[in-house]
C-alpha atoms as a PDB file:
ATOM      1  CA  MET A   1     117.231 155.776  16.999  1.00  0.00           C
ATOM      2  CA  LYS A   2     116.028 155.791  20.327  1.00  0.00           C
ATOM      3  CA  SER A   3     112.470 156.734  21.197  1.00  0.00           C
ATOM      4  CA  ILE A   4     113.156 159.610  23.512  1.00  0.00           C
ATOM      5  CA  THR A   5     115.504 162.187  24.263  1.00  0.00           C
ATOM      6  CA  VAL A   6     116.085 163.649  27.684  1.00  0.00           C
ATOM      7  CA  PHE A   7     117.730 167.067  27.248  1.00  0.00           C
ATOM      8  CA  THR A   8     119.346 168.913  30.253  1.00  0.00           C
ATOM      9  CA  PRO A   9     120.342 172.677  29.754  1.00  0.00           C
ATOM     10  CA  THR A  10     123.267 173.643  32.285  1.00  0.00           C
ATOM     11  CA  TYR A  11     125.250 176.120  33.388  1.00  0.00           C
ATOM     12  CA  ASN A  12     128.193 175.453  36.179  1.00  0.00           C
ATOM     13  CA  ARG A  13     126.673 172.561  37.169  1.00  0.00           C
ATOM     14  CA  ALA A  14     129.046 169.907  37.573  1.00  0.00           C
ATOM     15  CA  TYR A  15     128.699 169.090  41.281  1.00  0.00           C
ATOM     16  CA  CYS A  16     124.954 168.082  40.377  1.00  0.00           C
ATOM     17  CA  LEU A  17     124.916 166.448  36.961  1.00  0.00           C
ATOM     18  CA  PRO A  18     126.314 162.832  38.351  1.00  0.00           C
ATOM     19  CA  ILE A  19     122.995 162.481  40.375  1.00  0.00           C
ATOM     20  CA  LEU A  20     121.234 163.251  37.245  1.00  0.00           C
ATOM     21  CA  TYR A  21     123.695 160.528  35.032  1.00  0.00           C
ATOM     22  CA  GLU A  22     123.190 157.871  38.171  1.00  0.00           C
ATOM     23  CA  SER A  23     119.290 158.107  37.863  1.00  0.00           C
ATOM     24  CA  LEU A  24     119.834 157.639  33.646  1.00  0.00           C
ATOM     25  CA  LEU A  25     122.018 154.626  34.683  1.00  0.00           C
ATOM     26  CA  ARG A  26     119.310 153.252  36.800  1.00  0.00           C
ATOM     27  CA  GLN A  27     116.102 153.526  34.390  1.00  0.00           C
ATOM     28  CA  THR A  28     114.597 150.360  33.622  1.00  0.00           C
ATOM     29  CA  ASP A  29     114.062 151.176  30.192  1.00  0.00           C
ATOM     30  CA  ARG A  30     117.112 152.408  28.054  1.00  0.00           C
ATOM     31  CA  ASP A  31     115.161 153.114  25.241  1.00  0.00           C
ATOM     32  CA  PHE A  32     116.448 157.272  25.324  1.00  0.00           C
ATOM     33  CA  GLU A  33     119.558 159.325  24.694  1.00  0.00           C
ATOM     34  CA  TRP A  34     120.848 162.250  26.831  1.00  0.00           C
ATOM     35  CA  LEU A  35     121.674 165.449  25.184  1.00  0.00           C
ATOM     36  CA  VAL A  36     123.608 167.697  27.224  1.00  0.00           C
ATOM     37  CA  ILE A  37     123.399 171.474  26.337  1.00  0.00           C
ATOM     38  CA  ASP A  38     126.367 172.867  28.187  1.00  0.00           C
ATOM     39  CA  ASP A  39     125.561 176.763  28.290  1.00  0.00           C
ATOM     40  CA  GLY A  40     129.179 177.975  28.354  1.00  0.00           C
ATOM     41  CA  SER A  41     130.179 176.455  31.915  1.00  0.00           C
ATOM     42  CA  GLN A  42     133.738 177.717  33.090  1.00  0.00           C
ATOM     43  CA  ASP A  43     133.784 174.522  35.724  1.00  0.00           C
ATOM     44  CA  THR A  44     134.118 170.925  35.047  1.00  0.00           C
ATOM     45  CA  THR A  45     131.251 170.110  33.574  1.00  0.00           C
ATOM     46  CA  ARG A  46     133.118 168.942  29.773  1.00  0.00           C
ATOM     47  CA  GLU A  47     135.383 166.926  31.599  1.00  0.00           C
ATOM     48  CA  LEU A  48     132.847 164.947  33.381  1.00  0.00           C
ATOM     49  CA  MET A  49     130.467 164.573  30.168  1.00  0.00           C
ATOM     50  CA  GLN A  50     133.337 163.050  27.960  1.00  0.00           C
ATOM     51  CA  GLY A  51     134.344 160.639  30.841  1.00  0.00           C
ATOM     52  CA  TRP A  52     130.672 159.346  30.595  1.00  0.00           C
ATOM     53  CA  ILE A  53     130.537 159.198  27.124  1.00  0.00           C
ATOM     54  CA  SER A  54     134.094 157.446  26.956  1.00  0.00           C
ATOM     55  CA  ASP A  55     132.362 154.961  29.564  1.00  0.00           C
ATOM     56  CA  ALA A  56     129.675 154.299  27.141  1.00  0.00           C
ATOM     57  CA  LYS A  57     126.835 152.926  29.727  1.00  0.00           C
ATOM     58  CA  ILE A  58     124.028 154.904  28.025  1.00  0.00           C
ATOM     59  CA  ASP A  59     123.742 157.130  24.431  1.00  0.00           C
ATOM     60  CA  ILE A  60     125.233 160.962  25.286  1.00  0.00           C
ATOM     61  CA  LYS A  61     125.029 163.589  23.220  1.00  0.00           C
ATOM     62  CA  TYR A  62     127.229 166.609  24.270  1.00  0.00           C
ATOM     63  CA  HIS A  63     126.574 170.317  22.822  1.00  0.00           C
ATOM     64  CA  TYR A  64     128.867 173.313  24.128  1.00  0.00           C
ATOM     65  CA  LYS A  65     127.592 177.057  23.205  1.00  0.00           C
ATOM     66  CA  GLU A  66     128.422 180.402  23.928  1.00  0.00           C
ATOM     67  CA  ASN A  67     126.264 181.721  27.604  1.00  0.00           C
ATOM     68  CA  GLY A  68     123.008 182.841  26.192  1.00  0.00           C
ATOM     69  CA  GLY A  69     120.574 181.442  28.714  1.00  0.00           C
ATOM     70  CA  MET A  70     118.519 178.536  29.676  1.00  0.00           C
ATOM     71  CA  HIS A  71     116.030 179.722  26.948  1.00  0.00           C
ATOM     72  CA  THR A  72     118.983 179.339  24.056  1.00  0.00           C
ATOM     73  CA  GLY A  73     119.665 175.858  25.377  1.00  0.00           C
ATOM     74  CA  HIS A  74     115.857 174.882  24.611  1.00  0.00           C
ATOM     75  CA  ASN A  75     116.677 176.588  20.960  1.00  0.00           C
ATOM     76  CA  ALA A  76     119.763 174.637  20.591  1.00  0.00           C
ATOM     77  CA  ALA A  77     118.634 171.437  21.906  1.00  0.00           C
ATOM     78  CA  TYR A  78     114.657 171.354  19.705  1.00  0.00           C
ATOM     79  CA  SER A  79     117.610 172.081  16.671  1.00  0.00           C
ATOM     80  CA  LEU A  80     119.267 168.975  17.702  1.00  0.00           C
ATOM     81  CA  ILE A  81     116.969 166.148  18.764  1.00  0.00           C
ATOM     82  CA  GLU A  82     116.008 163.559  16.437  1.00  0.00           C
ATOM     83  CA  THR A  83     113.723 161.239  18.359  1.00  0.00           C
ATOM     84  CA  GLU A  84     110.151 160.980  18.369  1.00  0.00           C
ATOM     85  CA  LEU A  85     109.242 162.181  21.939  1.00  0.00           C
ATOM     86  CA  ASN A  86     111.852 164.519  24.442  1.00  0.00           C
ATOM     87  CA  VAL A  87     111.641 165.415  27.811  1.00  0.00           C
ATOM     88  CA  CYS A  88     113.457 167.984  29.915  1.00  0.00           C
ATOM     89  CA  VAL A  89     115.275 167.255  32.865  1.00  0.00           C
ATOM     90  CA  ASP A  90     117.213 169.997  34.642  1.00  0.00           C
ATOM     91  CA  SER A  91     120.308 170.023  35.689  1.00  0.00           C
ATOM     92  CA  ASP A  92     119.342 169.362  39.465  1.00  0.00           C
ATOM     93  CA  ASP A  93     116.643 167.081  38.810  1.00  0.00           C
ATOM     94  CA  PHE A  94     116.516 163.380  38.243  1.00  0.00           C
ATOM     95  CA  LEU A  95     114.386 160.709  36.851  1.00  0.00           C
ATOM     96  CA  PRO A  96     112.675 157.915  39.237  1.00  0.00           C
ATOM     97  CA  ASP A  97     114.237 154.186  38.000  1.00  0.00           C
ATOM     98  CA  ASN A  98     110.750 153.923  35.944  1.00  0.00           C
ATOM     99  CA  GLY A  99     110.885 157.360  34.503  1.00  0.00           C
ATOM    100  CA  ILE A 100     112.009 156.555  30.885  1.00  0.00           C
ATOM    101  CA  GLU A 101     109.469 153.371  31.050  1.00  0.00           C
ATOM    102  CA  LEU A 102     106.366 155.350  32.184  1.00  0.00           C
ATOM    103  CA  MET A 103     106.884 157.956  29.738  1.00  0.00           C
ATOM    104  CA  LEU A 104     107.298 155.523  27.060  1.00  0.00           C
ATOM    105  CA  SER A 105     104.663 152.900  27.747  1.00  0.00           C
ATOM    106  CA  ARG A 106     101.651 155.567  28.446  1.00  0.00           C
ATOM    107  CA  TRP A 107     102.571 156.903  24.810  1.00  0.00           C
ATOM    108  CA  ARG A 108     102.792 153.824  22.694  1.00  0.00           C
ATOM    109  CA  LYS A 109      99.570 152.663  24.403  1.00  0.00           C
ATOM    110  CA  ASP A 110      97.720 155.801  23.913  1.00  0.00           C
ATOM    111  CA  GLY A 111      99.397 158.458  21.972  1.00  0.00           C
ATOM    112  CA  SER A 112      99.006 159.728  18.396  1.00  0.00           C
ATOM    113  CA  ASP A 113      99.059 162.545  16.060  1.00  0.00           C
ATOM    114  CA  LYS A 114      96.101 163.658  17.494  1.00  0.00           C
ATOM    115  CA  TYR A 115      98.362 164.527  20.845  1.00  0.00           C
ATOM    116  CA  GLY A 116     101.769 167.376  21.224  1.00  0.00           C
ATOM    117  CA  GLY A 117     102.436 165.286  23.992  1.00  0.00           C
ATOM    118  CA  MET A 118     101.961 164.264  27.466  1.00  0.00           C
ATOM    119  CA  ILE A 119     101.879 165.840  31.080  1.00  0.00           C
ATOM    120  CA  GLY A 120     103.038 163.997  34.126  1.00  0.00           C
ATOM    121  CA  LEU A 121     103.740 164.677  37.976  1.00  0.00           C
ATOM    122  CA  ASP A 122     106.692 166.311  39.397  1.00  0.00           C
ATOM    123  CA  GLU A 123     107.563 164.661  42.842  1.00  0.00           C
ATOM    124  CA  ALA A 124     110.175 167.118  45.504  1.00  0.00           C
ATOM    125  CA  VAL A 125     113.413 165.126  46.443  1.00  0.00           C
ATOM    126  CA  SER A 126     112.453 165.243  49.974  1.00  0.00           C
ATOM    127  CA  GLY A 127     109.166 163.268  49.023  1.00  0.00           C
ATOM    128  CA  GLY A 128     105.641 164.136  48.026  1.00  0.00           C
ATOM    129  CA  ILE A 129     103.896 165.124  44.901  1.00  0.00           C
ATOM    130  CA  ILE A 130     104.736 169.085  43.917  1.00  0.00           C
ATOM    131  CA  GLY A 131     100.920 170.842  43.338  1.00  0.00           C
ATOM    132  CA  THR A 132      97.766 169.038  42.800  1.00  0.00           C
ATOM    133  CA  GLN A 133      97.101 166.074  40.742  1.00  0.00           C
ATOM    134  CA  PHE A 134      95.288 165.556  37.472  1.00  0.00           C
ATOM    135  CA  PRO A 135      91.395 164.934  38.649  1.00  0.00           C
ATOM    136  CA  GLU A 136      90.056 161.486  38.375  1.00  0.00           C
ATOM    137  CA  GLY A 137      89.050 160.871  34.719  1.00  0.00           C
ATOM    138  CA  LEU A 138      90.993 163.749  32.958  1.00  0.00           C
ATOM    139  CA  LYS A 139      92.534 162.295  29.917  1.00  0.00           C
ATOM    140  CA  GLU A 140      93.572 165.342  28.089  1.00  0.00           C
ATOM    141  CA  CYS A 141      94.210 168.508  28.544  1.00  0.00           C
ATOM    142  CA  THR A 142      95.937 171.891  27.095  1.00  0.00           C
ATOM    143  CA  TYR A 143      98.745 173.188  29.298  1.00  0.00           C
ATOM    144  CA  GLY A 144      96.878 176.470  29.786  1.00  0.00           C
ATOM    145  CA  GLU A 145      93.532 174.599  31.213  1.00  0.00           C
ATOM    146  CA  LEU A 146      95.627 172.763  34.385  1.00  0.00           C
ATOM    147  CA  GLY A 147      95.098 176.148  36.741  1.00  0.00           C
ATOM    148  CA  PRO A 148      92.044 177.843  35.695  1.00  0.00           C
ATOM    149  CA  ARG A 149      90.101 174.901  34.384  1.00  0.00           C
ATOM    150  CA  TYR A 150      91.125 172.065  36.370  1.00  0.00           C
ATOM    151  CA  GLY A 151      92.317 173.612  39.900  1.00  0.00           C
ATOM    152  CA  VAL A 152      95.821 171.771  38.833  1.00  0.00           C
ATOM    153  CA  PHE A 153      98.956 173.677  39.960  1.00  0.00           C
ATOM    154  CA  CYS A 154     102.602 174.028  40.273  1.00  0.00           C
ATOM    155  CA  ASP A 155     105.202 172.382  37.980  1.00  0.00           C
ATOM    156  CA  LYS A 156     104.710 169.540  35.795  1.00  0.00           C
ATOM    157  CA  LYS A 157     106.759 167.743  33.739  1.00  0.00           C
ATOM    158  CA  LEU A 158     105.792 167.781  29.763  1.00  0.00           C
ATOM    159  CA  VAL A 159     107.210 165.109  27.160  1.00  0.00           C
ATOM    160  CA  TYR A 160     106.493 166.421  23.688  1.00  0.00           C
ATOM    161  CA  ARG A 161     106.276 165.102  20.016  1.00  0.00           C
ATOM    162  CA  THR A 162     110.032 166.387  18.643  1.00  0.00           C
ATOM    163  CA  GLU A 163     108.056 167.032  15.366  1.00  0.00           C
ATOM    164  CA  VAL A 164     105.665 169.371  17.241  1.00  0.00           C
ATOM    165  CA  VAL A 165     108.090 171.645  18.994  1.00  0.00           C
ATOM    166  CA  LYS A 166     110.271 171.994  16.043  1.00  0.00           C
ATOM    167  CA  ARG A 167     107.550 173.742  13.905  1.00  0.00           C
ATOM    168  CA  TYR A 168     107.475 176.570  16.109  1.00  0.00           C
ATOM    169  CA  ASP A 169     110.178 179.781  16.124  1.00  0.00           C
ATOM    170  CA  PRO A 170     113.058 179.656  18.316  1.00  0.00           C
ATOM    171  CA  TYR A 171     113.305 181.535  21.024  1.00  0.00           C
ATOM    172  CA  PRO A 172     114.432 185.397  21.015  1.00  0.00           C
ATOM    173  CA  VAL A 173     117.744 186.288  21.961  1.00  0.00           C
ATOM    174  CA  PHE A 174     118.090 190.035  23.473  1.00  0.00           C
ATOM    175  CA  PRO A 175     121.405 191.815  23.642  1.00  0.00           C
ATOM    176  CA  ASP A 176     123.003 191.952  27.543  1.00  0.00           C
ATOM    177  CA  GLU A 177     119.902 189.788  28.607  1.00  0.00           C
ATOM    178  CA  ARG A 178     119.716 185.676  29.367  1.00  0.00           C
ATOM    179  CA  PHE A 179     116.720 184.809  30.203  1.00  0.00           C
ATOM    180  CA  VAL A 180     113.107 184.601  28.878  1.00  0.00           C
ATOM    181  CA  PRO A 181     110.241 182.417  30.388  1.00  0.00           C
ATOM    182  CA  LEU A 182     109.715 179.196  28.370  1.00  0.00           C
ATOM    183  CA  TYR A 183     105.889 180.061  26.628  1.00  0.00           C
ATOM    184  CA  PHE A 184     106.331 177.090  24.323  1.00  0.00           C
ATOM    185  CA  PRO A 185     103.263 175.313  26.043  1.00  0.00           C
ATOM    186  CA  TYR A 186     100.935 178.153  24.767  1.00  0.00           C
ATOM    187  CA  LEU A 187     102.117 178.160  20.997  1.00  0.00           C
ATOM    188  CA  VAL A 188     101.274 173.919  21.603  1.00  0.00           C
ATOM    189  CA  ASP A 189      98.027 174.785  23.247  1.00  0.00           C
ATOM    190  CA  ALA A 190      96.944 176.195  20.067  1.00  0.00           C
ATOM    191  CA  ASP A 191      97.217 173.410  18.013  1.00  0.00           C
ATOM    192  CA  TYR A 192      97.359 170.370  20.440  1.00  0.00           C
ATOM    193  CA  LYS A 193      96.079 168.709  23.734  1.00  0.00           C
ATOM    194  CA  LEU A 194      98.015 166.814  25.876  1.00  0.00           C
ATOM    195  CA  LEU A 195      97.459 163.157  27.387  1.00  0.00           C
ATOM    196  CA  CYS A 196      97.372 163.800  31.004  1.00  0.00           C
ATOM    197  CA  TYR A 197      98.857 161.339  33.764  1.00  0.00           C
ATOM    198  CA  ASN A 198      99.010 160.810  37.521  1.00  0.00           C
ATOM    199  CA  ASP A 199     102.419 159.255  37.463  1.00  0.00           C
ATOM    200  CA  VAL A 200     105.929 161.013  38.542  1.00  0.00           C
ATOM    201  CA  PHE A 201     107.829 161.286  35.742  1.00  0.00           C
ATOM    202  CA  CYS A 202     110.535 163.649  37.091  1.00  0.00           C
ATOM    203  CA  ILE A 203     112.022 164.500  40.850  1.00  0.00           C
ATOM    204  CA  VAL A 204     112.946 167.844  41.135  1.00  0.00           C
ATOM    205  CA  ASP A 205     115.129 169.833  43.574  1.00  0.00           C
ATOM    206  CA  TYR A 206     115.343 173.463  43.237  1.00  0.00           C
ATOM    207  CA  GLN A 207     118.851 174.971  43.487  1.00  0.00           C
ATOM    208  CA  GLN A 208     119.860 178.385  45.304  1.00  0.00           C
ATOM    209  CA  ASP A 209     121.648 179.587  41.777  1.00  0.00           C
ATOM    210  CA  GLY A 210     118.387 178.246  40.141  1.00  0.00           C
ATOM    211  CA  SER A 211     115.960 180.391  38.010  1.00  0.00           C
ATOM    212  CA  THR A 212     113.529 179.769  40.351  1.00  0.00           C
ATOM    213  CA  VAL A 213     115.377 182.025  43.190  1.00  0.00           C
ATOM    214  CA  ASN A 214     114.804 185.636  43.884  1.00  0.00           C
ATOM    215  CA  ILE A 215     112.445 185.901  40.564  1.00  0.00           C
ATOM    216  CA  TYR A 216     112.008 189.840  41.145  1.00  0.00           C
ATOM    217  CA  ALA A 217     115.639 190.607  40.822  1.00  0.00           C
ATOM    218  CA  GLN A 218     115.253 188.502  37.379  1.00  0.00           C
ATOM    219  CA  TYR A 219     112.429 191.007  36.224  1.00  0.00           C
ATOM    220  CA  PHE A 220     115.172 193.866  36.300  1.00  0.00           C
ATOM    221  CA  ARG A 221     117.584 192.090  34.679  1.00  0.00           C
ATOM    222  CA  HIS A 222     115.812 190.494  31.873  1.00  0.00           C
ATOM    223  CA  PRO A 223     112.606 192.867  31.446  1.00  0.00           C
ATOM    224  CA  LYS A 224     112.503 192.325  27.414  1.00  0.00           C
ATOM    225  CA  GLY A 225     112.601 188.705  27.627  1.00  0.00           C
ATOM    226  CA  PHE A 226     109.780 188.928  30.506  1.00  0.00           C
ATOM    227  CA  SER A 227     108.114 191.151  28.180  1.00  0.00           C
ATOM    228  CA  TYR A 228     108.420 189.155  25.096  1.00  0.00           C
ATOM    229  CA  SER A 229     106.741 186.001  27.001  1.00  0.00           C
ATOM    230  CA  ARG A 230     103.939 188.192  28.681  1.00  0.00           C
ATOM    231  CA  LYS A 231     102.940 189.001  24.897  1.00  0.00           C
ATOM    232  CA  ILE A 232     102.601 185.444  23.963  1.00  0.00           C
ATOM    233  CA  GLU A 233     100.733 184.811  26.970  1.00  0.00           C
ATOM    234  CA  MET A 234      97.935 187.634  25.855  1.00  0.00           C
ATOM    235  CA  ARG A 235      97.983 185.997  22.758  1.00  0.00           C
ATOM    236  CA  TYR A 236      97.107 182.309  23.632  1.00  0.00           C
ATOM    237  CA  ILE A 237      95.893 181.889  26.528  1.00  0.00           C
ATOM    238  CA  PRO A 238      92.236 182.072  26.638  1.00  0.00           C
ATOM    239  CA  PHE A 239      91.260 183.172  29.871  1.00  0.00           C
ATOM    240  CA  VAL A 240      90.470 186.697  30.373  1.00  0.00           C
ATOM    241  CA  LYS A 241      92.019 186.606  34.285  1.00  0.00           C
ATOM    242  CA  ILE A 242      95.130 185.402  32.955  1.00  0.00           C
ATOM    243  CA  LYS A 243      95.455 187.820  29.705  1.00  0.00           C
ATOM    244  CA  PHE A 244      94.637 190.650  32.083  1.00  0.00           C
ATOM    245  CA  LYS A 245      97.260 189.520  34.718  1.00  0.00           C
ATOM    246  CA  SER A 246      99.760 188.848  31.906  1.00  0.00           C
ATOM    247  CA  ALA A 247      98.887 192.478  30.536  1.00  0.00           C
ATOM    248  CA  ILE A 248      99.875 193.979  34.343  1.00  0.00           C
ATOM    249  CA  HIS A 249     103.140 192.292  34.175  1.00  0.00           C
ATOM    250  CA  TYR A 250     104.081 193.249  30.579  1.00  0.00           C
ATOM    251  CA  VAL A 251     103.104 196.559  31.427  1.00  0.00           C
ATOM    252  CA  ALA A 252     105.171 196.889  34.210  1.00  0.00           C
ATOM    253  CA  THR A 253     108.290 194.943  32.498  1.00  0.00           C
ATOM    254  CA  SER A 254     107.677 197.373  29.847  1.00  0.00           C
ATOM    255  CA  ILE A 255     108.205 200.013  31.888  1.00  0.00           C
ATOM    256  CA  ILE A 256     111.757 198.378  33.883  1.00  0.00           C
ATOM    257  CA  SER A 257     112.995 198.450  29.695  1.00  0.00           C
ATOM    258  CA  LYS A 258     111.869 201.645  29.003  1.00  0.00           C
ATOM    259  CA  ASN A 259     109.704 200.764  25.825  1.00  0.00           C
ATOM    260  CA  TRP A 260     107.006 203.350  25.745  1.00  0.00           C
ATOM    261  CA  ASN A 261     105.719 202.186  22.725  1.00  0.00           C
ATOM    262  CA  PHE A 262     104.663 199.015  24.882  1.00  0.00           C
ATOM    263  CA  LEU A 263     100.664 199.928  23.613  1.00  0.00           C
ATOM    264  CA  ALA A 264     101.168 199.923  20.031  1.00  0.00           C
ATOM    265  CA  GLU A 265     103.009 196.434  19.939  1.00  0.00           C
ATOM    266  CA  SER A 266     100.815 194.611  22.484  1.00  0.00           C
ATOM    267  CA  PRO A 267      98.543 191.874  20.861  1.00  0.00           C
ATOM    268  CA  LYS A 268      95.769 192.855  23.605  1.00  0.00           C
ATOM    269  CA  LYS A 269      95.830 196.427  23.369  1.00  0.00           C
ATOM    270  CA  ILE A 270      91.937 196.743  25.410  1.00  0.00           C
ATOM    271  CA  TYR A 271      93.646 194.631  28.055  1.00  0.00           C
ATOM    272  CA  THR A 272      97.234 196.529  28.215  1.00  0.00           C
ATOM    273  CA  PHE A 273      95.622 199.958  28.272  1.00  0.00           C
ATOM    274  CA  LEU A 274      93.052 198.656  31.152  1.00  0.00           C
ATOM    275  CA  ALA A 275      95.945 197.216  32.919  1.00  0.00           C
ATOM    276  CA  ILE A 276      98.312 200.287  32.624  1.00  0.00           C
ATOM    277  CA  PRO A 277      97.772 201.845  36.171  1.00  0.00           C
ATOM    278  CA  PHE A 278      97.925 198.383  37.677  1.00  0.00           C
ATOM    279  CA  GLY A 279     101.251 197.977  35.533  1.00  0.00           C
ATOM    280  CA  ILE A 280     102.776 200.686  37.470  1.00  0.00           C
ATOM    281  CA  ALA A 281     101.629 200.182  40.728  1.00  0.00           C
ATOM    282  CA  ALA A 282     103.289 196.452  39.882  1.00  0.00           C
ATOM    283  CA  TYR A 283     106.435 198.482  38.880  1.00  0.00           C
ATOM    284  CA  PHE A 284     106.795 199.595  42.158  1.00  0.00           C
ATOM    285  CA  PHE A 285     105.898 196.695  43.596  1.00  0.00           C
ATOM    286  CA  LEU A 286     108.757 194.871  41.615  1.00  0.00           C
ATOM    287  CA  ARG A 287     111.217 197.683  43.041  1.00  0.00           C
ATOM    288  CA  MET A 288     110.498 197.438  46.323  1.00  0.00           C
ATOM    289  CA  LYS A 289     110.899 193.279  46.265  1.00  0.00           C
ATOM    290  CA  ARG A 290     113.925 192.677  44.243  1.00  0.00           C
ATOM    291  CA  SER A 291     116.513 193.285  46.835  1.00  0.00           C
ATOM    292  CA  LYS A 292     114.755 190.642  48.911  1.00  0.00           C
ATOM    293  CA  PRO A 293     115.649 187.125  47.204  1.00  0.00           C
ATOM    294  CA  LYS A 294     112.309 184.633  47.225  1.00  0.00           C
ATOM    295  CA  LYS A 295     112.193 181.040  46.094  1.00  0.00           C
ATOM    296  CA  LEU A 296     109.368 180.420  43.995  1.00  0.00           C
ATOM    297  CA  ALA A 297     108.484 177.348  41.457  1.00  0.00           C
ATOM    298  CA  LEU A 298     108.187 178.545  38.200  1.00  0.00           C
ATOM    299  CA  PRO A 299     104.163 179.651  37.714  1.00  0.00           C
ATOM    300  CA  ASN A 300     101.534 177.873  36.393  1.00  0.00           C
ATOM    301  CA  PRO A 301      98.460 179.390  34.635  1.00  0.00           C
ATOM    302  CA  GLY A 302      95.630 180.496  36.897  1.00  0.00           C
ATOM    303  CA  SER A 303      98.056 180.318  40.180  1.00  0.00           C
END
């Protein structure tokens, strides 16, 4: 069995998957398999994958499912992965040539059951590290500590022990919604720390059809998914400022979904009660902004 699974949730991305595939062919360490979770693509993704599987240049597994959104792709991946480690590489991203080698060499040197995994850096396809690097001397932390405690912001690449992520319940599925923000890092935070490295694990490129575009409209398309994620943040993030910010978002998205029982359902009722006027203001702000597309990186705690 290979040591690490690179898993890629994808939907109608046949046009950019070859870049990721070519980067996997260039890896200096081949101790990995590639798991592609096709979320109901209607383009040529299936034919593309079948061709690469037939070429047998790297180990590939292809799983097709009905369209359910990125979070359901993660659910499917975690149910299928068998390797010790796993890392999600989006269909519009790719690995540096030594990406797998860096991940595995770091883990073999420092990893143990004490840790849930490790965190590395993302680099922009145009060059330059995305966000800030880890402070010198920082060896371990939780994901939720990055911004508020260490001043480390923007996306980072998370590599998890598969045994760890399989312990948690899958992301929920809400009728007529296709998005739940990925909150698994906060669940892992409650049980483990992560090793931190100033190594580039992934090279990223945000596509105009991706989940990081027009975030304001997404609040209105998937309010229950956002509300659920904010409840997880309130429950598990230890920082007061972040809890309150999550409570504000929770109130706003509860209004959008017309869930008037939000206070009773909140895991942090005092925070939520105090956040109500700010949440109402946030709701009107989101209504105003949703028609103005804005490209954003997924939020990092404290940002």
